[in-house]
Amino acid sequence: MVKRITADETQAWLKDYFKRRPDIGLGKAIVNLALNRRNPFESEKRRLPRRGFLFGAGMFLSVVSWFLYFNFVR
């Protein structure tokens, strides 16, 4: 007969699995979206932000600042 696995056992197994695999997850996806690719031959070198991400973040901040200015300051 097959042993039934409880929800707590499943959650513990998944947490352990994701702790052993730090290369997957939402955090890594966001970092890879915002930063340039890592050079496998220069792994110690700092990764710089992408130009498109900086432009988008700047545009988002300007829109938010204009929204706050026209709605709360004036």
N, C-alpha and C. Protein backbone atom coordinates (compact mmCIF):
# COMPACT_ATOMS: atom_id res chain seq x y z
N MET A 1 0.84 -1.18 0.00
CA MET A 1 0.00 0.00 0.00
C MET A 1 0.89 1.24 0.00
N VAL A 2 0.46 2.27 -0.71
CA VAL A 2 1.23 3.50 -0.87
C VAL A 2 1.02 4.39 0.36
N LYS A 3 2.12 4.95 0.86
CA LYS A 3 2.04 5.84 2.02
C LYS A 3 1.52 7.20 1.58
N ARG A 4 0.61 7.77 2.33
CA ARG A 4 0.06 9.09 2.03
C ARG A 4 0.99 10.15 2.61
N ILE A 5 1.19 11.20 1.86
CA ILE A 5 2.05 12.30 2.29
C ILE A 5 1.17 13.45 2.74
N THR A 6 1.47 14.00 3.90
CA THR A 6 0.67 15.11 4.43
C THR A 6 1.14 16.42 3.81
N ALA A 7 0.34 17.45 4.01
CA ALA A 7 0.67 18.77 3.48
C ALA A 7 1.93 19.32 4.16
N ASP A 8 2.09 19.07 5.45
CA ASP A 8 3.28 19.55 6.16
C ASP A 8 4.55 18.90 5.63
N GLU A 9 4.49 17.62 5.33
CA GLU A 9 5.65 16.94 4.76
C GLU A 9 5.99 17.49 3.38
N THR A 10 4.96 17.77 2.61
CA THR A 10 5.18 18.32 1.27
C THR A 10 5.82 19.70 1.35
N GLN A 11 5.33 20.55 2.25
CA GLN A 11 5.90 21.89 2.41
C GLN A 11 7.34 21.82 2.89
N ALA A 12 7.62 20.93 3.82
CA ALA A 12 9.00 20.78 4.30
C ALA A 12 9.91 20.30 3.19
N TRP A 13 9.43 19.37 2.37
CA TRP A 13 10.22 18.87 1.26
C TRP A 13 10.51 19.98 0.25
N LEU A 14 9.49 20.79 -0.08
CA LEU A 14 9.68 21.88 -1.03
C LEU A 14 10.63 22.96 -0.49
N LYS A 15 10.51 23.30 0.79
CA LYS A 15 11.43 24.29 1.38
C LYS A 15 12.86 23.79 1.33
N ASP A 16 13.06 22.54 1.64
CA ASP A 16 14.40 21.97 1.59
C ASP A 16 14.92 21.95 0.16
N TYR A 17 14.07 21.63 -0.80
CA TYR A 17 14.48 21.59 -2.20
C TYR A 17 14.90 22.98 -2.69
N PHE A 18 14.12 24.00 -2.35
CA PHE A 18 14.45 25.34 -2.81
C PHE A 18 15.66 25.93 -2.08
N LYS A 19 15.92 25.50 -0.85
CA LYS A 19 17.13 25.95 -0.16
C LYS A 19 18.38 25.38 -0.83
N ARG A 20 18.28 24.16 -1.34
CA ARG A 20 19.42 23.55 -2.02
C ARG A 20 19.60 24.09 -3.42
N ARG A 21 18.60 24.77 -3.98
CA ARG A 21 18.66 25.30 -5.34
C ARG A 21 18.52 26.82 -5.32
N PRO A 22 19.57 27.56 -4.95
CA PRO A 22 19.44 29.01 -4.89
C PRO A 22 19.42 29.68 -6.26
N ASP A 23 19.63 28.92 -7.32
CA ASP A 23 19.69 29.51 -8.65
C ASP A 23 18.32 29.65 -9.30
N ILE A 24 17.24 29.24 -8.62
CA ILE A 24 15.91 29.39 -9.17
C ILE A 24 15.08 30.24 -8.23
N GLY A 25 14.07 30.88 -8.77
CA GLY A 25 13.17 31.65 -7.93
C GLY A 25 12.89 33.03 -8.51
N LEU A 26 11.95 33.70 -7.89
CA LEU A 26 11.52 35.01 -8.34
C LEU A 26 12.61 36.05 -8.13
N GLY A 27 13.33 35.97 -7.03
CA GLY A 27 14.40 36.93 -6.77
C GLY A 27 15.47 36.90 -7.84
N LYS A 28 15.87 35.71 -8.25
CA LYS A 28 16.88 35.57 -9.31
C LYS A 28 16.34 36.11 -10.64
N ALA A 29 15.06 35.89 -10.92
CA ALA A 29 14.48 36.37 -12.16
C ALA A 29 14.47 37.90 -12.20
N ILE A 30 14.16 38.52 -11.08
CA ILE A 30 14.15 39.98 -11.02
C ILE A 30 15.55 40.53 -11.16
N VAL A 31 16.52 39.93 -10.49
CA VAL A 31 17.91 40.38 -10.60
C VAL A 31 18.42 40.22 -12.02
N ASN A 32 18.10 39.12 -12.67
CA ASN A 32 18.53 38.91 -14.04
C ASN A 32 17.86 39.87 -15.01
N LEU A 33 16.66 40.32 -14.68
CA LEU A 33 15.96 41.29 -15.50
C LEU A 33 16.60 42.68 -15.38
N ALA A 34 17.06 43.03 -14.18
CA ALA A 34 17.57 44.37 -13.93
C ALA A 34 19.06 44.52 -14.23
N LEU A 35 19.84 43.45 -14.14
CA LEU A 35 21.28 43.56 -14.30
C LEU A 35 21.74 42.89 -15.59
N ASN A 36 22.91 43.32 -16.07
CA ASN A 36 23.51 42.70 -17.24
C ASN A 36 23.87 41.26 -16.95
N ARG A 37 24.11 40.50 -18.00
CA ARG A 37 24.46 39.09 -17.83
C ARG A 37 25.79 38.95 -17.12
N ARG A 38 25.92 37.86 -16.38
CA ARG A 38 27.17 37.56 -15.69
C ARG A 38 28.14 36.92 -16.66
N ASN A 39 29.37 37.40 -16.64
CA ASN A 39 30.42 36.82 -17.46
C ASN A 39 30.96 35.60 -16.73
N PRO A 40 30.88 34.41 -17.31
CA PRO A 40 31.33 33.22 -16.59
C PRO A 40 32.84 33.21 -16.34
N PHE A 41 33.60 34.00 -17.09
CA PHE A 41 35.04 34.03 -16.91
C PHE A 41 35.48 35.08 -15.89
N GLU A 42 34.60 36.01 -15.57
CA GLU A 42 34.89 37.04 -14.57
C GLU A 42 33.76 37.03 -13.54
N SER A 43 33.68 35.97 -12.77
CA SER A 43 32.56 35.82 -11.84
C SER A 43 32.64 36.78 -10.66
N GLU A 44 33.80 37.32 -10.36
CA GLU A 44 33.95 38.25 -9.23
C GLU A 44 33.58 39.68 -9.61
N LYS A 45 33.48 39.96 -10.91
CA LYS A 45 33.19 41.31 -11.36
C LYS A 45 31.75 41.69 -11.04
N ARG A 46 31.56 42.94 -10.64
CA ARG A 46 30.24 43.43 -10.27
C ARG A 46 29.35 43.56 -11.51
N ARG A 47 28.09 43.18 -11.40
CA ARG A 47 27.15 43.28 -12.50
C ARG A 47 26.52 44.67 -12.49
N LEU A 48 26.53 45.34 -13.63
CA LEU A 48 25.97 46.68 -13.75
C LEU A 48 24.52 46.61 -14.19
N PRO A 49 23.73 47.64 -13.85
CA PRO A 49 22.32 47.63 -14.28
C PRO A 49 22.20 47.82 -15.79
N ARG A 50 21.12 47.29 -16.34
CA ARG A 50 20.86 47.43 -17.77
C ARG A 50 20.34 48.85 -18.05
N ARG A 51 20.64 49.35 -19.23
CA ARG A 51 20.20 50.69 -19.61
C ARG A 51 18.67 50.77 -19.68
N GLY A 52 18.06 49.76 -20.26
CA GLY A 52 16.60 49.75 -20.37
C GLY A 52 15.92 49.74 -19.02
N PHE A 53 16.49 49.01 -18.09
CA PHE A 53 15.92 48.98 -16.75
C PHE A 53 16.05 50.34 -16.08
N LEU A 54 17.21 50.98 -16.22
CA LEU A 54 17.40 52.30 -15.63
C LEU A 54 16.45 53.32 -16.25
N PHE A 55 16.28 53.25 -17.57
CA PHE A 55 15.34 54.15 -18.24
C PHE A 55 13.92 53.93 -17.74
N GLY A 56 13.51 52.67 -17.67
CA GLY A 56 12.16 52.36 -17.19
C GLY A 56 11.94 52.77 -15.75
N ALA A 57 12.95 52.55 -14.90
CA ALA A 57 12.83 52.95 -13.50
C ALA A 57 12.75 54.47 -13.38
N GLY A 58 13.55 55.17 -14.20
CA GLY A 58 13.49 56.64 -14.19
C GLY A 58 12.14 57.16 -14.64
N MET A 59 11.60 56.56 -15.69
CA MET A 59 10.28 56.97 -16.17
C MET A 59 9.20 56.68 -15.13
N PHE A 60 9.29 55.54 -14.49
CA PHE A 60 8.31 55.20 -13.45
C PHE A 60 8.38 56.19 -12.29
N LEU A 61 9.60 56.52 -11.85
CA LEU A 61 9.75 57.48 -10.76
C LEU A 61 9.26 58.87 -11.15
N SER A 62 9.48 59.27 -12.39
CA SER A 62 9.00 60.58 -12.81
C SER A 62 7.47 60.60 -12.87
N VAL A 63 6.85 59.54 -13.34
CA VAL A 63 5.38 59.48 -13.38
C VAL A 63 4.81 59.51 -11.96
N VAL A 64 5.41 58.77 -11.05
CA VAL A 64 4.94 58.76 -9.67
C VAL A 64 5.12 60.13 -9.03
N SER A 65 6.25 60.78 -9.28
CA SER A 65 6.48 62.10 -8.69
C SER A 65 5.50 63.13 -9.25
N TRP A 66 5.23 63.09 -10.57
CA TRP A 66 4.23 64.00 -11.13
C TRP A 66 2.85 63.72 -10.56
N PHE A 67 2.50 62.47 -10.41
CA PHE A 67 1.20 62.12 -9.83
C PHE A 67 1.08 62.66 -8.42
N LEU A 68 2.11 62.45 -7.61
CA LEU A 68 2.07 62.95 -6.23
C LEU A 68 2.02 64.47 -6.18
N TYR A 69 2.77 65.12 -7.07
CA TYR A 69 2.81 66.58 -7.08
C TYR A 69 1.43 67.14 -7.41
N PHE A 70 0.82 66.66 -8.48
CA PHE A 70 -0.44 67.23 -8.92
C PHE A 70 -1.63 66.83 -8.05
N ASN A 71 -1.51 65.76 -7.30
CA ASN A 71 -2.64 65.33 -6.47
C ASN A 71 -2.54 65.75 -5.02
N PHE A 72 -1.33 65.93 -4.51
CA PHE A 72 -1.22 66.23 -3.08
C PHE A 72 -0.57 67.57 -2.77
N VAL A 73 0.26 68.09 -3.63
CA VAL A 73 0.95 69.34 -3.33
C VAL A 73 0.14 70.53 -3.82
N ARG A 74 -0.41 70.44 -5.00
CA ARG A 74 -1.18 71.57 -5.55
C ARG A 74 -2.56 71.65 -5.02
